C-alpha atoms as a PDB file:
ATOM      1  CA  MET A   1       0.000   0.000   0.000  1.00  0.00           C
ATOM      2  CA  MET A   2       1.509   3.308  -1.052  1.00  0.00           C
ATOM      3  CA  ASP A   3       1.078   6.411   1.086  1.00  0.00           C
ATOM      4  CA  ASN A   4       2.198   9.423  -0.999  1.00  0.00           C
ATOM      5  CA  ASP A   5      -0.184  12.365  -0.659  1.00  0.00           C
ATOM      6  CA  TYR A   6       0.596  14.712  -3.534  1.00  0.00           C
ATOM      7  CA  TYR A   7      -1.670  17.431  -2.167  1.00  0.00           C
ATOM      8  CA  GLU A   8       0.085  17.330   1.183  1.00  0.00           C
ATOM      9  CA  THR A   9       3.465  17.406  -0.553  1.00  0.00           C
ATOM     10  CA  LEU A  10       2.487  20.643  -2.330  1.00  0.00           C
ATOM     11  CA  GLU A  11       0.823  21.972   0.846  1.00  0.00           C
ATOM     12  CA  ILE A  12      -2.555  22.516  -0.840  1.00  0.00           C
ATOM     13  CA  ASN A  13      -6.046  21.104  -0.370  1.00  0.00           C
ATOM     14  CA  ARG A  14      -7.944  18.871  -2.784  1.00  0.00           C
ATOM     15  CA  ASN A  15     -10.052  21.775  -4.061  1.00  0.00           C
ATOM     16  CA  ALA A  16      -6.957  23.598  -5.323  1.00  0.00           C
ATOM     17  CA  THR A  17      -7.203  25.106  -8.790  1.00  0.00           C
ATOM     18  CA  ASP A  18      -4.625  24.680 -11.518  1.00  0.00           C
ATOM     19  CA  ALA A  19      -3.274  28.143 -10.658  1.00  0.00           C
ATOM     20  CA  ASP A  20      -2.992  27.119  -6.979  1.00  0.00           C
ATOM     21  CA  ILE A  21      -1.029  24.012  -7.976  1.00  0.00           C
ATOM     22  CA  LYS A  22       1.385  26.035 -10.124  1.00  0.00           C
ATOM     23  CA  LYS A  23       1.832  28.666  -7.432  1.00  0.00           C
ATOM     24  CA  ALA A  24       2.544  26.057  -4.755  1.00  0.00           C
ATOM     25  CA  TYR A  25       5.047  24.178  -6.909  1.00  0.00           C
ATOM     26  CA  ARG A  26       6.827  27.390  -7.860  1.00  0.00           C
ATOM     27  CA  ARG A  27       7.209  28.435  -4.211  1.00  0.00           C
ATOM     28  CA  LEU A  28       8.315  25.052  -2.859  1.00  0.00           C
ATOM     29  CA  ALA A  29      10.549  24.075  -5.795  1.00  0.00           C
ATOM     30  CA  LEU A  30      12.494  27.319  -5.391  1.00  0.00           C
ATOM     31  CA  LYS A  31      12.709  26.757  -1.650  1.00  0.00           C
ATOM     32  CA  PHE A  32      13.965  23.153  -1.745  1.00  0.00           C
ATOM     33  CA  HIS A  33      16.025  23.236  -4.933  1.00  0.00           C
ATOM     34  CA  PRO A  34      19.374  21.541  -4.181  1.00  0.00           C
ATOM     35  CA  SER A  35      21.264  24.709  -5.100  1.00  0.00           C
ATOM     36  CA  SER A  36      19.829  26.464  -2.045  1.00  0.00           C
ATOM     37  CA  GLU A  37      22.433  26.385   0.723  1.00  0.00           C
ATOM     38  CA  GLU A  38      19.894  26.853   3.526  1.00  0.00           C
ATOM     39  CA  THR A  39      16.872  24.765   2.496  1.00  0.00           C
ATOM     40  CA  GLY A  40      18.072  22.590  -0.410  1.00  0.00           C
ATOM     41  CA  ASN A  41      16.797  19.007  -0.161  1.00  0.00           C
ATOM     42  CA  VAL A  42      17.179  16.507  -3.028  1.00  0.00           C
ATOM     43  CA  GLU A  43      14.576  14.071  -1.687  1.00  0.00           C
ATOM     44  CA  LYS A  44      11.988  16.786  -1.053  1.00  0.00           C
ATOM     45  CA  PHE A  45      12.739  18.364  -4.451  1.00  0.00           C
ATOM     46  CA  THR A  46      12.123  14.996  -6.130  1.00  0.00           C
ATOM     47  CA  GLN A  47       8.825  14.510  -4.236  1.00  0.00           C
ATOM     48  CA  LEU A  48       7.686  17.970  -5.351  1.00  0.00           C
ATOM     49  CA  GLY A  49       8.536  17.142  -8.961  1.00  0.00           C
ATOM     50  CA  GLU A  50       6.472  13.957  -8.874  1.00  0.00           C
ATOM     51  CA  ALA A  51       3.531  15.650  -7.131  1.00  0.00           C
ATOM     52  CA  TYR A  52       3.449  18.439  -9.705  1.00  0.00           C
ATOM     53  CA  ASP A  53       3.884  16.001 -12.602  1.00  0.00           C
ATOM     54  CA  VAL A  54       0.722  14.209 -11.487  1.00  0.00           C
ATOM     55  CA  LEU A  55      -1.513  17.063 -10.327  1.00  0.00           C
ATOM     56  CA  SER A  56      -0.736  19.316 -13.297  1.00  0.00           C
ATOM     57  CA  ASP A  57      -1.885  16.613 -15.754  1.00  0.00           C
ATOM     58  CA  PRO A  58      -5.735  16.441 -15.874  1.00  0.00           C
ATOM     59  CA  ARG A  59      -5.762  12.712 -16.746  1.00  0.00           C
ATOM     60  CA  LYS A  60      -3.289  11.651 -14.073  1.00  0.00           C
ATOM     61  CA  LYS A  61      -4.972  13.892 -11.525  1.00  0.00           C
ATOM     62  CA  ALA A  62      -8.410  12.438 -12.261  1.00  0.00           C
ATOM     63  CA  ILE A  63      -7.137   8.869 -11.769  1.00  0.00           C
ATOM     64  CA  TYR A  64      -5.270   9.823  -8.593  1.00  0.00           C
ATOM     65  CA  ASP A  65      -8.280  11.682  -7.139  1.00  0.00           C
ATOM     66  CA  LYS A  66     -10.566   8.675  -7.727  1.00  0.00           C
ATOM     67  CA  PHE A  67      -8.295   5.666  -7.203  1.00  0.00           C
ATOM     68  CA  GLY A  68      -5.371   7.047  -5.204  1.00  0.00           C
ATOM     69  CA  GLU A  69      -1.712   6.322  -5.748  1.00  0.00           C
ATOM     70  CA  ASP A  70      -2.306   2.570  -6.025  1.00  0.00           C
ATOM     71  CA  GLY A  71      -4.695   3.040  -8.923  1.00  0.00           C
ATOM     72  CA  LEU A  72      -2.383   5.561 -10.591  1.00  0.00           C
ATOM     73  CA  LYS A  73       0.741   3.397 -10.375  1.00  0.00           C
ATOM     74  CA  GLY A  74      -0.911  -0.014 -10.558  1.00  0.00           C
ATOM     75  CA  GLY A  75      -3.342   0.719 -13.375  1.00  0.00           C
ATOM     76  CA  ILE A  76      -7.158   0.652 -13.475  1.00  0.00           C
ATOM     77  CA  PRO A  77      -9.644  -1.191 -15.745  1.00  0.00           C
ATOM     78  CA  LEU A  78     -10.679   0.834 -18.775  1.00  0.00           C
ATOM     79  CA  GLU A  79     -14.401   1.047 -19.455  1.00  0.00           C
ATOM     80  CA  PHE A  80     -14.416  -0.481 -22.936  1.00  0.00           C
ATOM     81  CA  GLY A  81     -16.787  -3.402 -22.532  1.00  0.00           C
ATOM     82  CA  ASN A  82     -15.204  -6.741 -21.667  1.00  0.00           C
ATOM     83  CA  SER A  83     -11.929  -6.139 -23.460  1.00  0.00           C
ATOM     84  CA  GLY A  84     -10.013  -6.523 -20.216  1.00  0.00           C
ATOM     85  CA  ALA A  85      -7.897  -3.446 -21.013  1.00  0.00           C
ATOM     86  CA  TRP A  86      -6.182  -1.596 -18.185  1.00  0.00           C
ATOM     87  CA  SER A  87      -4.723   1.921 -18.046  1.00  0.00           C
ATOM     88  CA  SER A  88      -0.970   2.226 -18.313  1.00  0.00           C
ATOM     89  CA  LYS A  89       0.856   2.266 -15.008  1.00  0.00           C
ATOM     90  CA  TYR A  90       2.312   5.594 -13.977  1.00  0.00           C
ATOM     91  CA  ALA A  91       5.966   5.833 -12.981  1.00  0.00           C
ATOM     92  CA  TYR A  92       7.731   9.136 -12.326  1.00  0.00           C
ATOM     93  CA  HIS A  93      10.874   9.571 -14.441  1.00  0.00           C
ATOM     94  CA  ARG A  94      12.859  10.540 -11.304  1.00  0.00           C
ATOM     95  CA  ASP A  95      14.346  13.612 -13.009  1.00  0.00           C
ATOM     96  CA  PRO A  96      12.990  16.554 -10.995  1.00  0.00           C
ATOM     97  CA  ASP A  97      15.227  18.948 -12.932  1.00  0.00           C
ATOM     98  CA  LYS A  98      13.338  18.007 -16.087  1.00  0.00           C
ATOM     99  CA  THR A  99      10.048  18.872 -14.404  1.00  0.00           C
ATOM    100  CA  PHE A 100      11.569  22.068 -13.070  1.00  0.00           C
ATOM    101  CA  ARG A 101      12.922  23.236 -16.435  1.00  0.00           C
ATOM    102  CA  LYS A 102       9.633  22.423 -18.149  1.00  0.00           C
ATOM    103  CA  PHE A 103       7.764  24.540 -15.603  1.00  0.00           C
ATOM    104  CA  PHE A 104      10.024  27.615 -15.694  1.00  0.00           C
ATOM    105  CA  GLY A 105      10.869  27.431 -19.380  1.00  0.00           C
ATOM    106  CA  VAL A 106      14.523  28.184 -18.599  1.00  0.00           C
ATOM    107  CA  ASP A 107      17.217  26.892 -16.276  1.00  0.00           C
ATOM    108  CA  ASN A 108      16.435  29.564 -13.727  1.00  0.00           C
ATOM    109  CA  PRO A 109      15.420  28.306 -10.283  1.00  0.00           C
ATOM    110  CA  PHE A 110      15.738  31.590  -8.455  1.00  0.00           C
ATOM    111  CA  SER A 111      13.922  34.169 -10.557  1.00  0.00           C
ATOM    112  CA  ASP A 112      12.596  35.795  -7.379  1.00  0.00           C
ATOM    113  CA  PHE A 113      16.097  36.327  -6.034  1.00  0.00           C
ATOM    114  CA  TYR A 114      17.737  37.797  -9.134  1.00  0.00           C
ATOM    115  CA  ILE A 115      20.265  35.052  -9.863  1.00  0.00           C
ATOM    116  CA  ASN A 116      20.396  32.431 -12.567  1.00  0.00           C
ATOM    117  CA  TYR A 117      21.279  28.805 -12.027  1.00  0.00           C
ATOM    118  CA  ALA A 118      21.814  26.273 -14.818  1.00  0.00           C
ATOM    119  CA  PRO A 119      22.603  22.751 -13.600  1.00  0.00           C
ATOM    120  CA  PRO A 120      22.417  20.085 -16.301  1.00  0.00           C
ATOM    121  CA  LYS A 121      21.462  17.428 -13.722  1.00  0.00           C
ATOM    122  CA  LEU A 122      21.202  17.128  -9.961  1.00  0.00           C
ATOM    123  CA  GLY A 123      24.650  17.043  -8.480  1.00  0.00           C
ATOM    124  CA  GLY A 124      26.192  18.530 -11.629  1.00  0.00           C
ATOM    125  CA  PRO A 125      28.277  21.688 -11.830  1.00  0.00           C
ATOM    126  CA  GLN A 126      26.547  24.903 -10.838  1.00  0.00           C
ATOM    127  CA  GLN A 127      26.923  28.372 -12.271  1.00  0.00           C
ATOM    128  CA  VAL A 128      25.535  31.447 -10.573  1.00  0.00           C
ATOM    129  CA  VAL A 129      25.223  34.587 -12.694  1.00  0.00           C
ATOM    130  CA  ALA A 130      24.068  38.000 -11.482  1.00  0.00           C
ATOM    131  CA  LYS A 131      20.714  38.961 -12.945  1.00  0.00           C
ATOM    132  CA  LYS A 132      20.864  42.315 -14.765  1.00  0.00           C
ATOM    133  CA  GLN A 133      18.324  45.088 -14.508  1.00  0.00           C
ATOM    134  CA  ASP A 134      16.826  46.489 -17.698  1.00  0.00           C
ATOM    135  CA  SER A 135      17.918  50.031 -18.653  1.00  0.00           C
ATOM    136  CA  HIS A 136      15.792  52.722 -17.024  1.00  0.00           C
ATOM    137  CA  ILE A 137      12.957  54.308 -18.984  1.00  0.00           C
ATOM    138  CA  GLU A 138      12.735  58.117 -19.131  1.00  0.00           C
ATOM    139  CA  ARG A 139       9.513  60.060 -19.676  1.00  0.00           C
ATOM    140  CA  ASP A 140       8.883  63.813 -19.662  1.00  0.00           C
ATOM    141  CA  LEU A 141       6.526  65.252 -17.063  1.00  0.00           C
ATOM    142  CA  HIS A 142       5.219  68.580 -18.412  1.00  0.00           C
ATOM    143  CA  LEU A 143       4.166  70.949 -15.627  1.00  0.00           C
ATOM    144  CA  SER A 144       2.952  74.544 -15.677  1.00  0.00           C
ATOM    145  CA  LEU A 145       4.652  77.258 -13.670  1.00  0.00           C
ATOM    146  CA  ASP A 146       1.518  77.357 -11.499  1.00  0.00           C
ATOM    147  CA  ASP A 147       1.902  73.616 -10.777  1.00  0.00           C
ATOM    148  CA  LEU A 148       5.490  74.186  -9.713  1.00  0.00           C
ATOM    149  CA  PHE A 149       4.592  77.247  -7.634  1.00  0.00           C
ATOM    150  CA  HIS A 150       1.731  75.705  -5.665  1.00  0.00           C
ATOM    151  CA  GLY A 151       2.597  72.003  -5.836  1.00  0.00           C
ATOM    152  CA  CYS A 152       0.065  69.444  -7.038  1.00  0.00           C
ATOM    153  CA  THR A 153      -0.646  65.733  -7.469  1.00  0.00           C
ATOM    154  CA  LYS A 154      -0.372  64.088 -10.877  1.00  0.00           C
ATOM    155  CA  LYS A 155      -1.691  60.611 -11.644  1.00  0.00           C
ATOM    156  CA  ILE A 156      -0.178  58.886 -14.661  1.00  0.00           C
ATOM    157  CA  LYS A 157      -1.388  55.624 -16.169  1.00  0.00           C
ATOM    158  CA  ILE A 158       1.242  53.251 -17.523  1.00  0.00           C
ATOM    159  CA  SER A 159       0.868  49.903 -19.271  1.00  0.00           C
ATOM    160  CA  ARG A 160       3.459  47.252 -18.522  1.00  0.00           C
ATOM    161  CA  ARG A 161       4.015  43.533 -18.895  1.00  0.00           C
ATOM    162  CA  VAL A 162       3.674  41.561 -15.648  1.00  0.00           C
ATOM    163  CA  MET A 163       4.371  37.908 -14.921  1.00  0.00           C
ATOM    164  CA  ASN A 164       1.362  35.716 -14.205  1.00  0.00           C
ATOM    165  CA  GLU A 165       1.098  33.511 -11.127  1.00  0.00           C
ATOM    166  CA  ASP A 166       2.449  30.501 -12.998  1.00  0.00           C
ATOM    167  CA  GLY A 167       5.803  32.291 -13.318  1.00  0.00           C
ATOM    168  CA  CYS A 168       6.009  31.418 -17.014  1.00  0.00           C
ATOM    169  CA  THR A 169       3.528  33.542 -18.921  1.00  0.00           C
ATOM    170  CA  SER A 170       2.900  37.279 -18.814  1.00  0.00           C
ATOM    171  CA  SER A 171       0.169  39.775 -19.663  1.00  0.00           C
ATOM    172  CA  ILE A 172      -0.239  43.523 -20.170  1.00  0.00           C
ATOM    173  CA  LYS A 173      -1.766  45.407 -17.248  1.00  0.00           C
ATOM    174  CA  ASP A 174      -2.374  49.082 -16.486  1.00  0.00           C
ATOM    175  CA  LYS A 175      -1.154  50.777 -13.327  1.00  0.00           C
ATOM    176  CA  ILE A 176      -1.636  54.290 -11.936  1.00  0.00           C
ATOM    177  CA  LEU A 177       1.516  56.029 -10.685  1.00  0.00           C
ATOM    178  CA  THR A 178       1.039  58.991  -8.327  1.00  0.00           C
ATOM    179  CA  ILE A 179       3.487  61.908  -8.321  1.00  0.00           C
ATOM    180  CA  ASP A 180       3.251  64.466  -5.512  1.00  0.00           C
ATOM    181  CA  VAL A 181       4.786  67.608  -6.996  1.00  0.00           C
ATOM    182  CA  GLU A 182       6.437  69.723  -4.302  1.00  0.00           C
ATOM    183  CA  PRO A 183       6.328  73.563  -4.482  1.00  0.00           C
ATOM    184  CA  GLY A 184       9.528  74.914  -6.015  1.00  0.00           C
ATOM    185  CA  TRP A 185      10.560  71.868  -8.035  1.00  0.00           C
ATOM    186  CA  LYS A 186      12.791  72.883 -10.935  1.00  0.00           C
ATOM    187  CA  GLU A 187      12.989  71.740 -14.521  1.00  0.00           C
ATOM    188  CA  GLY A 188      15.094  68.581 -14.674  1.00  0.00           C
ATOM    189  CA  THR A 189      13.863  67.206 -11.343  1.00  0.00           C
ATOM    190  CA  ARG A 190      13.819  63.400 -11.605  1.00  0.00           C
ATOM    191  CA  ILE A 191      11.135  61.207 -10.007  1.00  0.00           C
ATOM    192  CA  VAL A 192      12.096  57.523  -9.922  1.00  0.00           C
ATOM    193  CA  PHE A 193       9.645  54.627  -9.680  1.00  0.00           C
ATOM    194  CA  SER A 194      11.789  51.618  -8.867  1.00  0.00           C
ATOM    195  CA  LYS A 195      11.268  48.412 -10.890  1.00  0.00           C
ATOM    196  CA  GLU A 196       7.971  49.529 -12.467  1.00  0.00           C
ATOM    197  CA  GLY A 197       9.021  48.518 -15.997  1.00  0.00           C
ATOM    198  CA  ASP A 198       8.126  45.318 -17.838  1.00  0.00           C
ATOM    199  CA  GLN A 199       8.600  42.118 -15.863  1.00  0.00           C
ATOM    200  CA  GLY A 200      10.346  39.113 -17.358  1.00  0.00           C
ATOM    201  CA  PRO A 201      11.653  35.734 -16.201  1.00  0.00           C
ATOM    202  CA  ASN A 202      15.316  36.589 -16.767  1.00  0.00           C
ATOM    203  CA  SER A 203      15.711  40.247 -15.849  1.00  0.00           C
ATOM    204  CA  ILE A 204      15.004  42.808 -13.155  1.00  0.00           C
ATOM    205  CA  PRO A 205      12.301  45.291 -14.242  1.00  0.00           C
ATOM    206  CA  ALA A 206      13.560  48.699 -15.307  1.00  0.00           C
ATOM    207  CA  ASP A 207      13.094  51.825 -13.216  1.00  0.00           C
ATOM    208  CA  ILE A 208      10.709  54.392 -14.699  1.00  0.00           C
ATOM    209  CA  VAL A 209      12.071  57.941 -14.401  1.00  0.00           C
ATOM    210  CA  PHE A 210       9.921  61.031 -14.937  1.00  0.00           C
ATOM    211  CA  ILE A 211      11.807  64.254 -15.721  1.00  0.00           C
ATOM    212  CA  VAL A 212      10.136  67.607 -15.026  1.00  0.00           C
ATOM    213  CA  GLN A 213       9.749  69.867 -18.065  1.00  0.00           C
ATOM    214  CA  GLN A 214       8.383  73.358 -17.363  1.00  0.00           C
ATOM    215  CA  LYS A 215       5.809  74.854 -19.712  1.00  0.00           C
ATOM    216  CA  ASN A 216       6.146  78.475 -20.838  1.00  0.00           C
ATOM    217  CA  HIS A 217       4.183  81.094 -18.891  1.00  0.00           C
ATOM    218  CA  PRO A 218       2.593  84.154 -20.571  1.00  0.00           C
ATOM    219  CA  LEU A 219       3.872  86.652 -17.968  1.00  0.00           C
ATOM    220  CA  PHE A 220       6.870  85.227 -16.125  1.00  0.00           C
ATOM    221  CA  VAL A 221      10.209  83.718 -17.026  1.00  0.00           C
ATOM    222  CA  ARG A 222      11.813  81.597 -14.348  1.00  0.00           C
ATOM    223  CA  GLN A 223      15.508  81.826 -13.494  1.00  0.00           C
ATOM    224  CA  GLN A 224      16.323  79.333 -10.726  1.00  0.00           C
ATOM    225  CA  ASN A 225      14.156  80.612  -7.835  1.00  0.00           C
ATOM    226  CA  ASP A 226      13.529  84.082  -9.283  1.00  0.00           C
ATOM    227  CA  LEU A 227      10.677  85.214 -11.504  1.00  0.00           C
ATOM    228  CA  ILE A 228      11.365  87.731 -14.276  1.00  0.00           C
ATOM    229  CA  TYR A 229       8.541  90.080 -15.262  1.00  0.00           C
ATOM    230  CA  LYS A 230       8.992  92.385 -18.250  1.00  0.00           C
ATOM    231  CA  THR A 231       6.879  95.484 -18.812  1.00  0.00           C
ATOM    232  CA  GLN A 232       6.864  98.152 -21.489  1.00  0.00           C
ATOM    233  CA  ILE A 233       7.043 101.846 -20.521  1.00  0.00           C
ATOM    234  CA  SER A 234       7.352 105.135 -22.322  1.00  0.00           C
ATOM    235  CA  LEU A 235      10.440 107.365 -22.270  1.00  0.00           C
ATOM    236  CA  GLU A 236       8.475 109.874 -20.218  1.00  0.00           C
ATOM    237  CA  MET A 237       7.756 107.218 -17.573  1.00  0.00           C
ATOM    238  CA  ALA A 238      11.378 106.091 -17.581  1.00  0.00           C
ATOM    239  CA  LEU A 239      12.505 109.630 -16.804  1.00  0.00           C
ATOM    240  CA  THR A 240       9.766 110.865 -14.480  1.00  0.00           C
ATOM    241  CA  GLY A 241       8.692 107.846 -12.423  1.00  0.00           C
ATOM    242  CA  PHE A 242       5.605 105.596 -12.337  1.00  0.00           C
ATOM    243  CA  SER A 243       4.241 102.436 -10.701  1.00  0.00           C
ATOM    244  CA  VAL A 244       3.819  98.864 -12.002  1.00  0.00           C
ATOM    245  CA  ASP A 245       0.960  96.500 -11.133  1.00  0.00           C
ATOM    246  CA  VAL A 246       2.003  92.823 -11.135  1.00  0.00           C
ATOM    247  CA  GLU A 247      -0.457  89.963 -10.578  1.00  0.00           C
ATOM    248  CA  THR A 248       1.413  87.180  -8.761  1.00  0.00           C
ATOM    249  CA  LEU A 249       1.015  83.427  -9.252  1.00  0.00           C
ATOM    250  CA  ASP A 250      -0.967  83.211  -6.014  1.00  0.00           C
ATOM    251  CA  GLY A 251      -3.517  85.802  -7.210  1.00  0.00           C
ATOM    252  CA  ARG A 252      -2.326  88.932  -5.414  1.00  0.00           C
ATOM    253  CA  VAL A 253      -1.722  92.259  -7.158  1.00  0.00           C
ATOM    254  CA  LEU A 254       1.485  94.054  -6.200  1.00  0.00           C
ATOM    255  CA  THR A 255       1.813  97.771  -6.905  1.00  0.00           C
ATOM    256  CA  ILE A 256       5.503  98.543  -7.258  1.00  0.00           C
ATOM    257  CA  PRO A 257       6.571 102.236  -7.303  1.00  0.00           C
ATOM    258  CA  ILE A 258       9.504 103.100  -9.568  1.00  0.00           C
ATOM    259  CA  ASN A 259      11.140 106.350  -8.496  1.00  0.00           C
ATOM    260  CA  ASP A 260      14.522 105.763 -10.109  1.00  0.00           C
ATOM    261  CA  ILE A 261      15.558 106.698 -13.627  1.00  0.00           C
ATOM    262  CA  VAL A 262      15.012 103.600 -15.766  1.00  0.00           C
ATOM    263  CA  HIS A 263      18.247 103.246 -17.742  1.00  0.00           C
ATOM    264  CA  PRO A 264      18.940 100.381 -20.217  1.00  0.00           C
ATOM    265  CA  THR A 265      20.309  97.978 -17.568  1.00  0.00           C
ATOM    266  CA  TYR A 266      17.962  98.960 -14.747  1.00  0.00           C
ATOM    267  CA  LYS A 267      16.086  96.201 -12.905  1.00  0.00           C
ATOM    268  CA  LYS A 268      13.712  96.472  -9.969  1.00  0.00           C
ATOM    269  CA  VAL A 269      14.183  93.642  -7.469  1.00  0.00           C
ATOM    270  CA  VAL A 270      11.260  92.794  -5.179  1.00  0.00           C
ATOM    271  CA  PRO A 271      12.542  90.371  -2.491  1.00  0.00           C
ATOM    272  CA  GLY A 272      10.535  87.305  -1.474  1.00  0.00           C
ATOM    273  CA  GLN A 273       8.015  87.392  -4.330  1.00  0.00           C
ATOM    274  CA  GLY A 274       9.540  84.703  -6.554  1.00  0.00           C
ATOM    275  CA  MET A 275       9.311  80.884  -6.555  1.00  0.00           C
ATOM    276  CA  PRO A 276       9.237  78.811  -3.349  1.00  0.00           C
ATOM    277  CA  LEU A 277      12.636  77.355  -2.458  1.00  0.00           C
ATOM    278  CA  PRO A 278      12.598  73.546  -2.925  1.00  0.00           C
ATOM    279  CA  GLN A 279      14.429  72.957   0.366  1.00  0.00           C
ATOM    280  CA  ASP A 280      12.140  75.346   2.271  1.00  0.00           C
ATOM    281  CA  PRO A 281       8.883  76.327   0.507  1.00  0.00           C
ATOM    282  CA  SER A 282       8.167  78.931   3.182  1.00  0.00           C
ATOM    283  CA  GLN A 283      11.052  80.967   1.703  1.00  0.00           C
ATOM    284  CA  ARG A 284      10.878  82.417  -1.782  1.00  0.00           C
ATOM    285  CA  GLY A 285      13.172  83.859  -4.416  1.00  0.00           C
ATOM    286  CA  ASN A 286      12.838  87.355  -5.862  1.00  0.00           C
ATOM    287  CA  LEU A 287      10.558  89.026  -8.377  1.00  0.00           C
ATOM    288  CA  ILE A 288      12.708  90.920 -10.861  1.00  0.00           C
ATOM    289  CA  ILE A 289      11.038  93.523 -13.051  1.00  0.00           C
ATOM    290  CA  THR A 290      12.753  94.496 -16.287  1.00  0.00           C
ATOM    291  CA  PHE A 291      11.701  97.307 -18.616  1.00  0.00           C
ATOM    292  CA  ASP A 292      11.324  97.811 -22.311  1.00  0.00           C
ATOM    293  CA  VAL A 293      11.500 101.582 -22.847  1.00  0.00           C
ATOM    294  CA  LYS A 294       9.540 102.676 -25.899  1.00  0.00           C
ATOM    295  CA  PHE A 295      11.165 105.716 -27.518  1.00  0.00           C
ATOM    296  CA  PRO A 296       9.111 108.137 -29.645  1.00  0.00           C
ATOM    297  CA  GLU A 297       9.490 107.598 -33.375  1.00  0.00           C
ATOM    298  CA  LYS A 298       9.791 111.346 -34.041  1.00  0.00           C
ATOM    299  CA  LEU A 299       9.838 114.676 -32.194  1.00  0.00           C
ATOM    300  CA  SER A 300       8.783 118.146 -33.251  1.00  0.00           C
ATOM    301  CA  ALA A 301      11.355 120.901 -33.206  1.00  0.00           C
ATOM    302  CA  GLU A 302       9.613 122.454 -30.222  1.00  0.00           C
ATOM    303  CA  SER A 303       9.687 119.159 -28.290  1.00  0.00           C
ATOM    304  CA  ARG A 304      13.350 118.684 -29.053  1.00  0.00           C
ATOM    305  CA  GLN A 305      14.136 122.166 -27.765  1.00  0.00           C
ATOM    306  CA  LEU A 306      12.151 121.609 -24.559  1.00  0.00           C
ATOM    307  CA  ILE A 307      13.837 118.273 -23.863  1.00  0.00           C
ATOM    308  CA  LYS A 308      17.235 119.783 -24.535  1.00  0.00           C
ATOM    309  CA  GLN A 309      16.545 122.651 -22.173  1.00  0.00           C
ATOM    310  CA  ALA A 310      15.298 120.254 -19.462  1.00  0.00           C
ATOM    311  CA  LEU A 311      18.346 118.038 -19.678  1.00  0.00           C
ATOM    312  CA  THR A 312      20.696 121.021 -19.795  1.00  0.00           C
ATOM    313  CA  PHE A 313      19.004 122.413 -16.715  1.00  0.00           C
ATOM    314  CA  GLU A 314      19.410 119.099 -14.845  1.00  0.00           C
ATOM    315  CA  ASN A 315      23.106 118.977 -15.688  1.00  0.00           C
END
């Protein structure tokens, strides 16, 4: 009387699905493979191979479920009248590596641990090779200046290949990646999602890297943490003084008085009204106002004389 319990060997119950059987064999075969220094066990590995060989085959499994190991290995009468025919007797080939390689598709017993192992037979020479990670994948993340000023949350859907539970086949699945944009991030900031690339049996998934690209703004140009605002003024304003109204990115209106002479290189610096500092968003860069002085296209003789007199008087 034989007493092998294939379900017990694979640590599953008799209602286990085909996926459950594959998952259990994958886990236990990796655990007890003879190449494992801590848990390797040739006898256990062989028992697992036989159990999977039977339970993964619908015909063998049906005979085993109904007639047990004795019926499977001793044969059972076939229902073909009185022909006296019996089913063929099952005998495991005693080559658990063959079962293992057929399951994984490659000589790779430790795909979960990022090493490859390729023994021709049990007890044969072993070769351990470091598993390489796929090259990282770069994608642009286009953000407005308002996004970078206030901070925001972006959700991006990616499609990638993932391994199925059987460890052999794969399928395409969507995943949502969430990026929490911090106030003050600069163009070129890199956000790394580790190992979110395509999965495969022989490689480590690639990292996905998003790189911030800043969109143009209609009013401001960014320079590091400063904001540049350019306004057009007349020659009269440049010489006599005026004020500039600037609507900030947070919706306020600043009225900036200009009492200096606006010469070609003049800039008005307003401290603390620029972009938030990435390391401390409570601090901000500067607002820098530059000026485009519009000169008159022509002057009357009288206007020329008056301007000349005014400038002569000032000198």
